[in-house]
């Protein structure tokens, strides 16, 4: 039950969105999750500032049911930064990745 919410101040074309969807769908396996439960959101052209300027950047917020290990998160951060560079031309030092895990996750009229 992972959710990846990507916010960036660059434009994400439909083609880039499909590329991000595919790459994030594979990357989620690094956290022991599968694309079959993955929900994604892409928020582009956001008003964002980092280090005092509005140069291209992204904030990737990853929520999972349960908990991921430090090693899993470290590997996922590397992969997210790689994906953001490949698809959106964002350097790794302009990408923040945040993780949150919870045991309270609802779907289909119930909680897991």
PDB file of N, CA and C in Angstrom:
ATOM      1  N   UNK A   1       0.818  -1.184   0.000  1.00  0.00           N
ATOM      2  CA  UNK A   1       0.000   0.000   0.000  1.00  0.00           C
ATOM      3  C   UNK A   1       0.865   1.252   0.000  1.00  0.00           C
ATOM      4  N   UNK A   2       1.846   1.320  -0.859  1.00  0.00           N
ATOM      5  CA  UNK A   2       2.652   2.535  -0.883  1.00  0.00           C
ATOM      6  C   UNK A   2       1.986   3.649  -1.696  1.00  0.00           C
ATOM      7  N   UNK A   3       2.335   4.875  -1.338  1.00  0.00           N
ATOM      8  CA  UNK A   3       1.908   6.058  -2.072  1.00  0.00           C
ATOM      9  C   UNK A   3       3.130   6.930  -2.261  1.00  0.00           C
ATOM     10  N   UNK A   4       3.406   7.311  -3.499  1.00  0.00           N
ATOM     11  CA  UNK A   4       4.512   8.217  -3.794  1.00  0.00           C
ATOM     12  C   UNK A   4       3.924   9.481  -4.396  1.00  0.00           C
ATOM     13  N   UNK A   5       4.127  10.591  -3.700  1.00  0.00           N
ATOM     14  CA  UNK A   5       3.636  11.892  -4.128  1.00  0.00           C
ATOM     15  C   UNK A   5       4.844  12.736  -4.529  1.00  0.00           C
ATOM     16  N   UNK A   6       4.936  13.051  -5.804  1.00  0.00           N
ATOM     17  CA  UNK A   6       6.072  13.813  -6.324  1.00  0.00           C
ATOM     18  C   UNK A   6       5.619  15.222  -6.667  1.00  0.00           C
ATOM     19  N   UNK A   7       6.265  16.196  -6.049  1.00  0.00           N
ATOM     20  CA  UNK A   7       5.994  17.599  -6.336  1.00  0.00           C
ATOM     21  C   UNK A   7       7.269  18.205  -6.903  1.00  0.00           C
ATOM     22  N   UNK A   8       7.136  18.912  -8.010  1.00  0.00           N
ATOM     23  CA  UNK A   8       8.291  19.526  -8.650  1.00  0.00           C
ATOM     24  C   UNK A   8       7.897  20.872  -9.242  1.00  0.00           C
ATOM     25  N   UNK A   9       8.895  21.710  -9.452  1.00  0.00           N
ATOM     26  CA  UNK A   9       8.612  23.004 -10.064  1.00  0.00           C
ATOM     27  C   UNK A   9       8.895  22.998 -11.569  1.00  0.00           C
ATOM     28  N   UNK A  10       9.162  21.832 -12.135  1.00  0.00           N
ATOM     29  CA  UNK A  10       9.325  21.719 -13.583  1.00  0.00           C
ATOM     30  C   UNK A  10       8.064  21.113 -14.192  1.00  0.00           C
ATOM     31  N   UNK A  11       7.943  21.261 -15.486  1.00  0.00           N
ATOM     32  CA  UNK A  11       6.799  20.699 -16.196  1.00  0.00           C
ATOM     33  C   UNK A  11       7.023  19.210 -16.442  1.00  0.00           C
ATOM     34  N   UNK A  12       5.974  18.418 -16.238  1.00  0.00           N
ATOM     35  CA  UNK A  12       6.035  16.977 -16.481  1.00  0.00           C
ATOM     36  C   UNK A  12       5.073  16.662 -17.632  1.00  0.00           C
ATOM     37  N   UNK A  13       5.639  16.382 -18.786  1.00  0.00           N
ATOM     38  CA  UNK A  13       4.820  16.057 -19.958  1.00  0.00           C
ATOM     39  C   UNK A  13       4.155  14.698 -19.755  1.00  0.00           C
ATOM     40  N   UNK A  14       3.119  14.396 -20.524  1.00  0.00           N
ATOM     41  CA  UNK A  14       2.502  13.068 -20.417  1.00  0.00           C
ATOM     42  C   UNK A  14       3.505  11.933 -20.635  1.00  0.00           C
ATOM     43  N   UNK A  15       4.451  12.129 -21.545  1.00  0.00           N
ATOM     44  CA  UNK A  15       5.465  11.101 -21.798  1.00  0.00           C
ATOM     45  C   UNK A  15       6.371  10.909 -20.587  1.00  0.00           C
ATOM     46  N   UNK A  16       6.768  12.012 -19.969  1.00  0.00           N
ATOM     47  CA  UNK A  16       7.616  11.922 -18.775  1.00  0.00           C
ATOM     48  C   UNK A  16       6.845  11.306 -17.613  1.00  0.00           C
ATOM     49  N   UNK A  17       5.564  11.615 -17.511  1.00  0.00           N
ATOM     50  CA  UNK A  17       4.743  11.033 -16.454  1.00  0.00           C
ATOM     51  C   UNK A  17       4.676   9.510 -16.595  1.00  0.00           C
ATOM     52  N   UNK A  18       4.517   9.035 -17.810  1.00  0.00           N
ATOM     53  CA  UNK A  18       4.484   7.586 -18.054  1.00  0.00           C
ATOM     54  C   UNK A  18       5.838   6.961 -17.705  1.00  0.00           C
ATOM     55  N   UNK A  19       6.926   7.649 -18.052  1.00  0.00           N
ATOM     56  CA  UNK A  19       8.260   7.141 -17.715  1.00  0.00           C
ATOM     57  C   UNK A  19       8.454   7.090 -16.203  1.00  0.00           C
ATOM     58  N   UNK A  20       8.022   8.135 -15.499  1.00  0.00           N
ATOM     59  CA  UNK A  20       8.113   8.146 -14.035  1.00  0.00           C
ATOM     60  C   UNK A  20       7.284   7.016 -13.437  1.00  0.00           C
ATOM     61  N   UNK A  21       6.074   6.826 -13.942  1.00  0.00           N
ATOM     62  CA  UNK A  21       5.201   5.766 -13.449  1.00  0.00           C
ATOM     63  C   UNK A  21       5.876   4.406 -13.576  1.00  0.00           C
ATOM     64  N   UNK A  22       6.466   4.141 -14.725  1.00  0.00           N
ATOM     65  CA  UNK A  22       7.117   2.850 -14.951  1.00  0.00           C
ATOM     66  C   UNK A  22       8.328   2.666 -14.041  1.00  0.00           C
ATOM     67  N   UNK A  23       9.162   3.679 -13.943  1.00  0.00           N
ATOM     68  CA  UNK A  23      10.385   3.571 -13.141  1.00  0.00           C
ATOM     69  C   UNK A  23      10.076   3.491 -11.647  1.00  0.00           C
ATOM     70  N   UNK A  24       9.116   4.273 -11.181  1.00  0.00           N
ATOM     71  CA  UNK A  24       8.739   4.206  -9.765  1.00  0.00           C
ATOM     72  C   UNK A  24       8.046   2.887  -9.461  1.00  0.00           C
ATOM     73  N   UNK A  25       7.312   2.359 -10.436  1.00  0.00           N
ATOM     74  CA  UNK A  25       6.672   1.056 -10.267  1.00  0.00           C
ATOM     75  C   UNK A  25       7.677  -0.053 -10.044  1.00  0.00           C
ATOM     76  N   UNK A  26       8.826   0.052 -10.680  1.00  0.00           N
ATOM     77  CA  UNK A  26       9.902  -0.920 -10.459  1.00  0.00           C
ATOM     78  C   UNK A  26      10.661  -0.622  -9.173  1.00  0.00           C
ATOM     79  N   UNK A  27      10.930   0.657  -8.928  1.00  0.00           N
ATOM     80  CA  UNK A  27      11.726   1.055  -7.762  1.00  0.00           C
ATOM     81  C   UNK A  27      11.065   0.680  -6.441  1.00  0.00           C
ATOM     82  N   UNK A  28       9.749   0.671  -6.394  1.00  0.00           N
ATOM     83  CA  UNK A  28       9.050   0.407  -5.130  1.00  0.00           C
ATOM     84  C   UNK A  28       9.398  -0.963  -4.567  1.00  0.00           C
ATOM     85  N   UNK A  29       9.864  -1.854  -5.417  1.00  0.00           N
ATOM     86  CA  UNK A  29      10.279  -3.179  -4.958  1.00  0.00           C
ATOM     87  C   UNK A  29      11.460  -3.104  -3.994  1.00  0.00           C
ATOM     88  N   UNK A  30      12.238  -2.016  -4.060  1.00  0.00           N
ATOM     89  CA  UNK A  30      13.351  -1.824  -3.124  1.00  0.00           C
ATOM     90  C   UNK A  30      12.859  -1.704  -1.684  1.00  0.00           C
ATOM     91  N   UNK A  31      11.597  -1.318  -1.518  1.00  0.00           N
ATOM     92  CA  UNK A  31      11.001  -1.220  -0.176  1.00  0.00           C
ATOM     93  C   UNK A  31      10.180  -2.462   0.158  1.00  0.00           C
ATOM     94  N   UNK A  32      10.284  -3.483  -0.669  1.00  0.00           N
ATOM     95  CA  UNK A  32       9.541  -4.716  -0.426  1.00  0.00           C
ATOM     96  C   UNK A  32       8.069  -4.606  -0.776  1.00  0.00           C
ATOM     97  N   UNK A  33       7.724  -3.646  -1.623  1.00  0.00           N
ATOM     98  CA  UNK A  33       6.334  -3.427  -2.037  1.00  0.00           C
ATOM     99  C   UNK A  33       6.207  -3.723  -3.530  1.00  0.00           C
ATOM    100  N   UNK A  34       4.973  -3.754  -4.026  1.00  0.00           N
ATOM    101  CA  UNK A  34       4.773  -4.050  -5.444  1.00  0.00           C
ATOM    102  C   UNK A  34       3.957  -2.955  -6.124  1.00  0.00           C
ATOM    103  N   UNK A  35       4.130  -2.874  -7.429  1.00  0.00           N
ATOM    104  CA  UNK A  35       3.389  -1.885  -8.202  1.00  0.00           C
ATOM    105  C   UNK A  35       1.889  -2.157  -8.166  1.00  0.00           C
ATOM    106  N   UNK A  36       1.502  -3.392  -7.914  1.00  0.00           N
ATOM    107  CA  UNK A  36       0.074  -3.725  -7.926  1.00  0.00           C
ATOM    108  C   UNK A  36      -0.708  -2.975  -6.845  1.00  0.00           C
ATOM    109  N   UNK A  37      -0.023  -2.476  -5.812  1.00  0.00           N
ATOM    110  CA  UNK A  37      -0.681  -1.690  -4.766  1.00  0.00           C
ATOM    111  C   UNK A  37      -0.219  -0.230  -4.757  1.00  0.00           C
ATOM    112  N   UNK A  38       0.652   0.138  -5.663  1.00  0.00           N
ATOM    113  CA  UNK A  38       1.262   1.468  -5.661  1.00  0.00           C
ATOM    114  C   UNK A  38       0.305   2.529  -6.199  1.00  0.00           C
ATOM    115  N   UNK A  39       0.177   3.626  -5.447  1.00  0.00           N
ATOM    116  CA  UNK A  39      -0.559   4.802  -5.903  1.00  0.00           C
ATOM    117  C   UNK A  39       0.461   5.919  -6.103  1.00  0.00           C
ATOM    118  N   UNK A  40       0.317   6.651  -7.196  1.00  0.00           N
ATOM    119  CA  UNK A  40       1.235   7.734  -7.533  1.00  0.00           C
ATOM    120  C   UNK A  40       0.470   9.025  -7.765  1.00  0.00           C
ATOM    121  N   UNK A  41       1.105  10.141  -7.426  1.00  0.00           N
ATOM    122  CA  UNK A  41       0.576  11.462  -7.775  1.00  0.00           C
ATOM    123  C   UNK A  41       1.743  12.316  -8.247  1.00  0.00           C
ATOM    124  N   UNK A  42       1.502  13.108  -9.279  1.00  0.00           N
ATOM    125  CA  UNK A  42       2.518  14.007  -9.812  1.00  0.00           C
ATOM    126  C   UNK A  42       1.957  15.422  -9.813  1.00  0.00           C
ATOM    127  N   UNK A  43       2.644  16.305  -9.126  1.00  0.00           N
ATOM    128  CA  UNK A  43       2.251  17.708  -9.032  1.00  0.00           C
ATOM    129  C   UNK A  43       3.379  18.529  -9.649  1.00  0.00           C
ATOM    130  N   UNK A  44       3.179  18.999 -10.872  1.00  0.00           N
ATOM    131  CA  UNK A  44       4.251  19.740 -11.536  1.00  0.00           C
ATOM    132  C   UNK A  44       3.969  21.235 -11.543  1.00  0.00           C
ATOM    133  N   UNK A  45       4.958  21.981 -11.997  1.00  0.00           N
ATOM    134  CA  UNK A  45       4.878  23.443 -12.079  1.00  0.00           C
ATOM    135  C   UNK A  45       4.511  24.087 -10.745  1.00  0.00           C
ATOM    136  N   UNK A  46       4.954  23.489  -9.648  1.00  0.00           N
ATOM    137  CA  UNK A  46       4.664  24.029  -8.314  1.00  0.00           C
ATOM    138  C   UNK A  46       5.574  25.220  -8.017  1.00  0.00           C
ATOM    139  N   UNK A  47       5.088  26.138  -7.221  1.00  0.00           N
ATOM    140  CA  UNK A  47       5.923  27.232  -6.730  1.00  0.00           C
ATOM    141  C   UNK A  47       6.761  26.683  -5.588  1.00  0.00           C
ATOM    142  N   UNK A  48       8.059  26.506  -5.829  1.00  0.00           N
ATOM    143  CA  UNK A  48       8.941  25.889  -4.842  1.00  0.00           C
ATOM    144  C   UNK A  48      10.251  26.670  -4.750  1.00  0.00           C
ATOM    145  N   UNK A  49      10.801  26.700  -3.538  1.00  0.00           N
ATOM    146  CA  UNK A  49      12.103  27.318  -3.300  1.00  0.00           C
ATOM    147  C   UNK A  49      12.924  26.389  -2.436  1.00  0.00           C
ATOM    148  N   UNK A  50      14.197  26.273  -2.759  1.00  0.00           N
ATOM    149  CA  UNK A  50      15.122  25.436  -2.003  1.00  0.00           C
ATOM    150  C   UNK A  50      16.469  26.136  -2.021  1.00  0.00           C
ATOM    151  N   UNK A  51      17.083  26.259  -0.870  1.00  0.00           N
ATOM    152  CA  UNK A  51      18.366  26.956  -0.746  1.00  0.00           C
ATOM    153  C   UNK A  51      18.256  28.393  -1.252  1.00  0.00           C
ATOM    154  N   UNK A  52      17.078  28.985  -1.098  1.00  0.00           N
ATOM    155  CA  UNK A  52      16.885  30.381  -1.448  1.00  0.00           C
ATOM    156  C   UNK A  52      16.568  30.673  -2.899  1.00  0.00           C
ATOM    157  N   UNK A  53      16.459  29.647  -3.732  1.00  0.00           N
ATOM    158  CA  UNK A  53      16.132  29.924  -5.129  1.00  0.00           C
ATOM    159  C   UNK A  53      15.105  28.927  -5.665  1.00  0.00           C
ATOM    160  N   UNK A  54      14.642  29.216  -6.864  1.00  0.00           N
ATOM    161  CA  UNK A  54      13.608  28.372  -7.469  1.00  0.00           C
ATOM    162  C   UNK A  54      14.145  27.550  -8.641  1.00  0.00           C
ATOM    163  N   UNK A  55      15.432  27.207  -8.600  1.00  0.00           N
ATOM    164  CA  UNK A  55      16.009  26.328  -9.622  1.00  0.00           C
ATOM    165  C   UNK A  55      15.253  24.997  -9.609  1.00  0.00           C
ATOM    166  N   UNK A  56      15.280  24.250 -10.697  1.00  0.00           N
ATOM    167  CA  UNK A  56      14.545  22.984 -10.764  1.00  0.00           C
ATOM    168  C   UNK A  56      14.830  22.062  -9.582  1.00  0.00           C
ATOM    169  N   UNK A  57      13.735  21.479  -9.028  1.00  0.00           N
ATOM    170  CA  UNK A  57      13.839  20.635  -7.834  1.00  0.00           C
ATOM    171  C   UNK A  57      12.626  19.729  -7.747  1.00  0.00           C
ATOM    172  N   UNK A  58      12.697  18.789  -6.793  1.00  0.00           N
ATOM    173  CA  UNK A  58      11.547  17.919  -6.524  1.00  0.00           C
ATOM    174  C   UNK A  58      11.538  17.510  -5.064  1.00  0.00           C
ATOM    175  N   UNK A  59      10.332  17.292  -4.556  1.00  0.00           N
ATOM    176  CA  UNK A  59      10.114  16.719  -3.231  1.00  0.00           C
ATOM    177  C   UNK A  59       9.316  15.444  -3.456  1.00  0.00           C
ATOM    178  N   UNK A  60       9.888  14.318  -3.041  1.00  0.00           N
ATOM    179  CA  UNK A  60       9.254  13.016  -3.242  1.00  0.00           C
ATOM    180  C   UNK A  60       8.878  12.468  -1.874  1.00  0.00           C
ATOM    181  N   UNK A  61       7.595  12.341  -1.632  1.00  0.00           N
ATOM    182  CA  UNK A  61       7.059  11.901  -0.340  1.00  0.00           C
ATOM    183  C   UNK A  61       6.557  10.468  -0.493  1.00  0.00           C
ATOM    184  N   UNK A  62       7.174   9.556   0.247  1.00  0.00           N
ATOM    185  CA  UNK A  62       6.853   8.133   0.131  1.00  0.00           C
ATOM    186  C   UNK A  62       6.214   7.651   1.429  1.00  0.00           C
ATOM    187  N   UNK A  63       4.986   7.177   1.338  1.00  0.00           N
ATOM    188  CA  UNK A  63       4.272   6.625   2.494  1.00  0.00           C
ATOM    189  C   UNK A  63       4.058   5.135   2.255  1.00  0.00           C
ATOM    190  N   UNK A  64       4.310   4.340   3.290  1.00  0.00           N
ATOM    191  CA  UNK A  64       4.138   2.890   3.163  1.00  0.00           C
ATOM    192  C   UNK A  64       3.372   2.339   4.358  1.00  0.00           C
ATOM    193  N   UNK A  65       2.697   1.236   4.120  1.00  0.00           N
ATOM    194  CA  UNK A  65       2.056   0.480   5.191  1.00  0.00           C
ATOM    195  C   UNK A  65       3.150  -0.347   5.843  1.00  0.00           C
ATOM    196  N   UNK A  66       3.311  -0.198   7.149  1.00  0.00           N
ATOM    197  CA  UNK A  66       4.388  -0.883   7.853  1.00  0.00           C
ATOM    198  C   UNK A  66       5.609   0.008   7.930  1.00  0.00           C
ATOM    199  N   UNK A  67       6.775  -0.604   7.993  1.00  0.00           N
ATOM    200  CA  UNK A  67       8.009   0.148   8.157  1.00  0.00           C
ATOM    201  C   UNK A  67       9.065  -0.390   7.209  1.00  0.00           C
ATOM    202  N   UNK A  68       9.854   0.515   6.663  1.00  0.00           N
ATOM    203  CA  UNK A  68      10.979   0.148   5.811  1.00  0.00           C
ATOM    204  C   UNK A  68      12.263   0.284   6.618  1.00  0.00           C
ATOM    205  N   UNK A  69      13.260  -0.523   6.286  1.00  0.00           N
ATOM    206  CA  UNK A  69      14.540  -0.459   6.995  1.00  0.00           C
ATOM    207  C   UNK A  69      15.359   0.729   6.498  1.00  0.00           C
ATOM    208  N   UNK A  70      16.367   1.094   7.274  1.00  0.00           N
ATOM    209  CA  UNK A  70      17.265   2.171   6.864  1.00  0.00           C
ATOM    210  C   UNK A  70      17.951   1.836   5.543  1.00  0.00           C
ATOM    211  N   UNK A  71      18.370   0.592   5.387  1.00  0.00           N
ATOM    212  CA  UNK A  71      19.042   0.168   4.150  1.00  0.00           C
ATOM    213  C   UNK A  71      18.083   0.264   2.966  1.00  0.00           C
ATOM    214  N   UNK A  72      16.846  -0.177   3.145  1.00  0.00           N
ATOM    215  CA  UNK A  72      15.855  -0.072   2.069  1.00  0.00           C
ATOM    216  C   UNK A  72      15.653   1.388   1.662  1.00  0.00           C
ATOM    217  N   UNK A  73      15.526   2.262   2.643  1.00  0.00           N
ATOM    218  CA  UNK A  73      15.304   3.685   2.352  1.00  0.00           C
ATOM    219  C   UNK A  73      16.522   4.307   1.675  1.00  0.00           C
ATOM    220  N   UNK A  74      17.711   3.940   2.122  1.00  0.00           N
ATOM    221  CA  UNK A  74      18.939   4.449   1.497  1.00  0.00           C
ATOM    222  C   UNK A  74      18.992   4.043   0.020  1.00  0.00           C
ATOM    223  N   UNK A  75      18.706   2.784  -0.255  1.00  0.00           N
ATOM    224  CA  UNK A  75      18.707   2.303  -1.639  1.00  0.00           C
ATOM    225  C   UNK A  75      17.616   2.975  -2.465  1.00  0.00           C
ATOM    226  N   UNK A  76      16.465   3.184  -1.854  1.00  0.00           N
ATOM    227  CA  UNK A  76      15.357   3.830  -2.556  1.00  0.00           C
ATOM    228  C   UNK A  76      15.697   5.289  -2.868  1.00  0.00           C
ATOM    229  N   UNK A  77      16.319   5.986  -1.929  1.00  0.00           N
ATOM    230  CA  UNK A  77      16.706   7.377  -2.173  1.00  0.00           C
ATOM    231  C   UNK A  77      17.646   7.469  -3.367  1.00  0.00           C
ATOM    232  N   UNK A  78      18.622   6.580  -3.425  1.00  0.00           N
ATOM    233  CA  UNK A  78      19.546   6.571  -4.570  1.00  0.00           C
ATOM    234  C   UNK A  78      18.785   6.354  -5.874  1.00  0.00           C
ATOM    235  N   UNK A  79      17.832   5.430  -5.854  1.00  0.00           N
ATOM    236  CA  UNK A  79      17.065   5.132  -7.068  1.00  0.00           C
ATOM    237  C   UNK A  79      16.148   6.293  -7.444  1.00  0.00           C
ATOM    238  N   UNK A  80      15.511   6.907  -6.460  1.00  0.00           N
ATOM    239  CA  UNK A  80      14.641   8.064  -6.730  1.00  0.00           C
ATOM    240  C   UNK A  80      15.456   9.190  -7.361  1.00  0.00           C
ATOM    241  N   UNK A  81      16.617   9.480  -6.792  1.00  0.00           N
ATOM    242  CA  UNK A  81      17.465  10.541  -7.345  1.00  0.00           C
ATOM    243  C   UNK A  81      17.883  10.209  -8.776  1.00  0.00           C
ATOM    244  N   UNK A  82      18.200   8.956  -9.029  1.00  0.00           N
ATOM    245  CA  UNK A  82      18.562   8.513 -10.382  1.00  0.00           C
ATOM    246  C   UNK A  82      17.391   8.717 -11.343  1.00  0.00           C
ATOM    247  N   UNK A  83      16.204   8.336 -10.914  1.00  0.00           N
ATOM    248  CA  UNK A  83      15.005   8.488 -11.747  1.00  0.00           C
ATOM    249  C   UNK A  83      14.725   9.963 -12.033  1.00  0.00           C
ATOM    250  N   UNK A  84      14.816  10.809 -11.015  1.00  0.00           N
ATOM    251  CA  UNK A  84      14.544  12.236 -11.200  1.00  0.00           C
ATOM    252  C   UNK A  84      15.551  12.863 -12.165  1.00  0.00           C
ATOM    253  N   UNK A  85      16.804  12.388 -12.103  1.00  0.00           N
ATOM    254  CA  UNK A  85      17.819  12.897 -13.032  1.00  0.00           C
ATOM    255  C   UNK A  85      17.546  12.407 -14.453  1.00  0.00           C
ATOM    256  N   UNK A  86      17.255  11.122 -14.601  1.00  0.00           N
ATOM    257  CA  UNK A  86      17.020  10.543 -15.929  1.00  0.00           C
ATOM    258  C   UNK A  86      15.787  11.120 -16.617  1.00  0.00           C
ATOM    259  N   UNK A  87      14.719  11.269 -15.877  1.00  0.00           N
ATOM    260  CA  UNK A  87      13.447  11.668 -16.497  1.00  0.00           C
ATOM    261  C   UNK A  87      13.247  13.180 -16.506  1.00  0.00           C
ATOM    262  N   UNK A  88      13.580  13.845 -15.410  1.00  0.00           N
ATOM    263  CA  UNK A  88      13.303  15.281 -15.295  1.00  0.00           C
ATOM    264  C   UNK A  88      14.549  16.160 -15.331  1.00  0.00           C
ATOM    265  N   UNK A  89      15.724  15.547 -15.492  1.00  0.00           N
ATOM    266  CA  UNK A  89      17.003  16.275 -15.520  1.00  0.00           C
ATOM    267  C   UNK A  89      17.260  17.055 -14.235  1.00  0.00           C
ATOM    268  N   UNK A  90      16.817  16.507 -13.114  1.00  0.00           N
ATOM    269  CA  UNK A  90      17.031  17.149 -11.819  1.00  0.00           C
ATOM    270  C   UNK A  90      18.268  16.558 -11.153  1.00  0.00           C
ATOM    271  N   UNK A  91      19.224  17.389 -10.746  1.00  0.00           N
ATOM    272  CA  UNK A  91      20.391  16.857 -10.041  1.00  0.00           C
ATOM    273  C   UNK A  91      19.995  16.342  -8.658  1.00  0.00           C
ATOM    274  N   UNK A  92      20.720  15.343  -8.186  1.00  0.00           N
ATOM    275  CA  UNK A  92      20.401  14.706  -6.904  1.00  0.00           C
ATOM    276  C   UNK A  92      20.393  15.695  -5.748  1.00  0.00           C
ATOM    277  N   UNK A  93      21.216  16.740  -5.830  1.00  0.00           N
ATOM    278  CA  UNK A  93      21.262  17.698  -4.721  1.00  0.00           C
ATOM    279  C   UNK A  93      20.103  18.694  -4.747  1.00  0.00           C
ATOM    280  N   UNK A  94      19.152  18.481  -5.665  1.00  0.00           N
ATOM    281  CA  UNK A  94      17.939  19.296  -5.718  1.00  0.00           C
ATOM    282  C   UNK A  94      16.691  18.442  -5.497  1.00  0.00           C
ATOM    283  N   UNK A  95      16.891  17.260  -4.909  1.00  0.00           N
ATOM    284  CA  UNK A  95      15.784  16.330  -4.668  1.00  0.00           C
ATOM    285  C   UNK A  95      15.764  15.951  -3.194  1.00  0.00           C
ATOM    286  N   UNK A  96      14.643  16.186  -2.545  1.00  0.00           N
ATOM    287  CA  UNK A  96      14.406  15.699  -1.186  1.00  0.00           C
ATOM    288  C   UNK A  96      13.499  14.475  -1.285  1.00  0.00           C
ATOM    289  N   UNK A  97      13.785  13.478  -0.446  1.00  0.00           N
ATOM    290  CA  UNK A  97      12.949  12.279  -0.371  1.00  0.00           C
ATOM    291  C   UNK A  97      12.575  12.077   1.093  1.00  0.00           C
ATOM    292  N   UNK A  98      11.284  11.956   1.367  1.00  0.00           N
ATOM    293  CA  UNK A  98      10.796  11.766   2.738  1.00  0.00           C
ATOM    294  C   UNK A  98      10.046  10.447   2.830  1.00  0.00           C
ATOM    295  N   UNK A  99      10.269   9.744   3.939  1.00  0.00           N
ATOM    296  CA  UNK A  99       9.613   8.453   4.163  1.00  0.00           C
ATOM    297  C   UNK A  99       8.723   8.523   5.394  1.00  0.00           C
ATOM    298  N   UNK A 100       7.580   7.882   5.300  1.00  0.00           N
ATOM    299  CA  UNK A 100       6.735   7.708   6.477  1.00  0.00           C
ATOM    300  C   UNK A 100       6.076   6.341   6.386  1.00  0.00           C
ATOM    301  N   UNK A 101       6.002   5.681   7.526  1.00  0.00           N
ATOM    302  CA  UNK A 101       5.361   4.376   7.595  1.00  0.00           C
ATOM    303  C   UNK A 101       4.264   4.400   8.643  1.00  0.00           C
ATOM    304  N   UNK A 102       3.225   3.621   8.426  1.00  0.00           N
ATOM    305  CA  UNK A 102       2.123   3.567   9.370  1.00  0.00           C
ATOM    306  C   UNK A 102       1.523   2.169   9.392  1.00  0.00           C
ATOM    307  N   UNK A 103       0.963   1.807  10.519  1.00  0.00           N
ATOM    308  CA  UNK A 103       0.223   0.552  10.617  1.00  0.00           C
ATOM    309  C   UNK A 103      -1.274   0.782  10.427  1.00  0.00           C
ATOM    310  N   UNK A 104      -1.667   2.031  10.271  1.00  0.00           N
ATOM    311  CA  UNK A 104      -3.067   2.401  10.060  1.00  0.00           C
ATOM    312  C   UNK A 104      -3.241   2.814   8.604  1.00  0.00           C
ATOM    313  N   UNK A 105      -3.702   1.885   7.779  1.00  0.00           N
ATOM    314  CA  UNK A 105      -3.871   2.168   6.356  1.00  0.00           C
ATOM    315  C   UNK A 105      -5.204   1.584   5.922  1.00  0.00           C
ATOM    316  N   UNK A 106      -6.064   2.427   5.406  1.00  0.00           N
ATOM    317  CA  UNK A 106      -7.393   1.977   5.011  1.00  0.00           C
ATOM    318  C   UNK A 106      -7.559   1.845   3.513  1.00  0.00           C
ATOM    319  N   UNK A 107      -8.442   0.939   3.128  1.00  0.00           N
ATOM    320  CA  UNK A 107      -8.771   0.706   1.724  1.00  0.00           C
ATOM    321  C   UNK A 107     -10.036  -0.140   1.657  1.00  0.00           C
ATOM    322  N   UNK A 108     -10.891   0.163   0.745  1.00  0.00           N
ATOM    323  CA  UNK A 108     -12.048  -0.683   0.461  1.00  0.00           C
ATOM    324  C   UNK A 108     -12.910  -0.937   1.706  1.00  0.00           C
ATOM    325  N   UNK A 109     -13.228   0.129   2.421  1.00  0.00           N
ATOM    326  CA  UNK A 109     -14.096   0.075   3.606  1.00  0.00           C
ATOM    327  C   UNK A 109     -13.488  -0.601   4.831  1.00  0.00           C
ATOM    328  N   UNK A 110     -12.177  -0.790   4.852  1.00  0.00           N
ATOM    329  CA  UNK A 110     -11.549  -1.448   6.007  1.00  0.00           C
ATOM    330  C   UNK A 110     -10.110  -0.975   6.155  1.00  0.00           C
ATOM    331  N   UNK A 111      -9.507  -1.326   7.272  1.00  0.00           N
ATOM    332  CA  UNK A 111      -8.085  -1.085   7.484  1.00  0.00           C
ATOM    333  C   UNK A 111      -7.346  -2.405   7.411  1.00  0.00           C
ATOM    334  N   UNK A 112      -6.129  -2.326   6.928  1.00  0.00           N
ATOM    335  CA  UNK A 112      -5.298  -3.534   6.860  1.00  0.00           C
ATOM    336  C   UNK A 112      -4.814  -3.905   8.250  1.00  0.00           C
TER     337      UNK A 112
END
